[in-house]
């Protein structure tokens, strides 16, 4: 997640995280690579990182973002990429147990 800080031309914008909050450094980015959200924050054009961070905290943008399905999906993908081999094994075993329970008759309880 990053914030559009300035517009360079029709096809490029300057975005900033800020890095301490989202991990995104200030850089130029093509508009067609962006996916806009409904979250807005009142900042001046070309705002500094500190001003941006304070505006995001004031408007609660990061809290709103973390509550969205999109953010949850990104977080889940990040967690899965950091799994060790043993974690993947434990996940496989848990899935097998869940499937066996459903086949055994636990599904009837879930339907009601």
Protein backbone atom coordinates (compact mmCIF):
# COMPACT_ATOMS: atom_id res chain seq x y z
CA UNK A 1 0.00 0.00 0.00
CA UNK A 2 1.36 3.40 -0.92
CA UNK A 3 0.09 6.95 -1.36
CA UNK A 4 0.20 9.11 -4.47
CA UNK A 5 2.18 12.17 -3.39
CA UNK A 6 2.66 14.00 -6.69
CA UNK A 7 1.69 13.74 -10.34
CA UNK A 8 4.61 13.91 -12.78
CA UNK A 9 2.67 13.66 -16.05
CA UNK A 10 -0.30 11.77 -17.46
CA UNK A 11 1.41 8.42 -17.21
CA UNK A 12 3.61 8.70 -14.09
CA UNK A 13 3.11 9.58 -10.43
CA UNK A 14 5.34 9.82 -7.36
CA UNK A 15 4.29 7.41 -4.60
CA UNK A 16 5.44 7.08 -1.00
CA UNK A 17 4.66 4.50 1.68
CA UNK A 18 6.04 5.93 3.98
CA UNK A 19 8.75 3.30 4.32
CA UNK A 20 8.50 3.09 8.11
CA UNK A 21 4.78 2.23 7.90
CA UNK A 22 4.33 0.23 4.69
CA UNK A 23 7.86 -0.56 3.49
CA UNK A 24 7.43 1.42 0.25
CA UNK A 25 10.08 4.04 -0.50
CA UNK A 26 9.31 7.23 -2.39
CA UNK A 27 9.68 6.56 -6.11
CA UNK A 28 8.14 7.25 -9.49
CA UNK A 29 5.63 4.72 -10.77
CA UNK A 30 3.59 4.33 -13.96
CA UNK A 31 -0.13 4.90 -13.48
CA UNK A 32 -1.09 1.66 -15.21
CA UNK A 33 0.71 -0.34 -12.45
CA UNK A 34 -1.43 1.26 -9.73
CA UNK A 35 -4.66 -0.09 -8.31
CA UNK A 36 -6.54 2.70 -6.59
CA UNK A 37 -8.56 2.29 -3.40
CA UNK A 38 -11.25 4.47 -1.83
CA UNK A 39 -9.01 5.51 1.05
CA UNK A 40 -7.98 9.17 0.97
CA UNK A 41 -5.93 11.42 3.17
CA UNK A 42 -5.69 15.20 3.10
CA UNK A 43 -2.07 16.12 2.25
CA UNK A 44 -0.36 18.84 0.26
CA UNK A 45 1.20 18.07 -3.11
CA UNK A 46 4.71 16.66 -2.68
CA UNK A 47 4.27 16.17 1.07
CA UNK A 48 7.23 14.97 3.12
CA UNK A 49 7.34 11.50 4.62
CA UNK A 50 6.66 12.75 8.16
CA UNK A 51 3.63 14.77 7.02
CA UNK A 52 2.29 11.78 5.12
CA UNK A 53 2.77 9.44 8.09
CA UNK A 54 0.92 11.82 10.42
CA UNK A 55 -1.94 12.25 7.92
CA UNK A 56 -2.30 8.47 7.53
CA UNK A 57 -2.41 8.05 11.32
CA UNK A 58 -4.93 10.87 11.72
CA UNK A 59 -7.32 9.48 9.11
CA UNK A 60 -6.83 5.85 10.20
CA UNK A 61 -6.08 4.76 6.64
CA UNK A 62 -3.82 1.86 7.61
CA UNK A 63 -6.43 0.47 10.02
CA UNK A 64 -9.09 0.68 7.32
CA UNK A 65 -6.72 -0.97 4.83
CA UNK A 66 -5.86 -3.88 7.13
CA UNK A 67 -9.58 -4.61 7.56
CA UNK A 68 -10.13 -5.15 3.81
CA UNK A 69 -10.20 -8.55 2.14
CA UNK A 70 -7.45 -7.43 -0.24
CA UNK A 71 -5.04 -6.71 2.65
CA UNK A 72 -5.92 -10.00 4.34
CA UNK A 73 -5.20 -11.86 1.11
CA UNK A 74 -1.82 -10.13 0.76
CA UNK A 75 -0.98 -10.95 4.39
CA UNK A 76 -1.95 -14.61 3.92
CA UNK A 77 0.21 -14.84 0.80
CA UNK A 78 3.14 -13.35 2.73
CA UNK A 79 2.67 -15.82 5.59
CA UNK A 80 2.55 -18.76 3.18
CA UNK A 81 5.74 -17.63 1.43
CA UNK A 82 7.56 -17.58 4.79
CA UNK A 83 6.45 -21.09 5.77
CA UNK A 84 9.14 -23.67 6.44
CA UNK A 85 9.01 -27.23 5.17
CA UNK A 86 7.81 -28.44 8.56
CA UNK A 87 5.04 -25.79 8.61
CA UNK A 88 3.84 -27.00 5.21
CA UNK A 89 3.87 -30.57 6.53
CA UNK A 90 1.79 -29.59 9.59
CA UNK A 91 -0.67 -27.80 7.31
CA UNK A 92 -1.00 -30.90 5.14
CA UNK A 93 -1.67 -33.10 8.18
CA UNK A 94 -4.27 -30.65 9.53
CA UNK A 95 -6.05 -30.60 6.16
CA UNK A 96 -6.12 -34.39 6.06
CA UNK A 97 -7.61 -34.52 9.57
CA UNK A 98 -10.25 -31.95 8.64
CA UNK A 99 -11.18 -33.85 5.47
CA UNK A 100 -11.40 -37.13 7.38
CA UNK A 101 -13.66 -35.54 10.00
CA UNK A 102 -15.95 -34.14 7.32
CA UNK A 103 -16.17 -37.49 5.54
CA UNK A 104 -16.78 -39.32 8.81
CA UNK A 105 -19.94 -37.38 9.57
CA UNK A 106 -18.91 -33.98 10.84
CA UNK A 107 -20.46 -32.42 7.76
CA UNK A 108 -23.97 -33.15 9.05
CA UNK A 109 -23.30 -30.97 12.07
CA UNK A 110 -21.98 -28.17 9.88
CA UNK A 111 -25.05 -28.16 7.59
CA UNK A 112 -27.51 -27.70 10.46
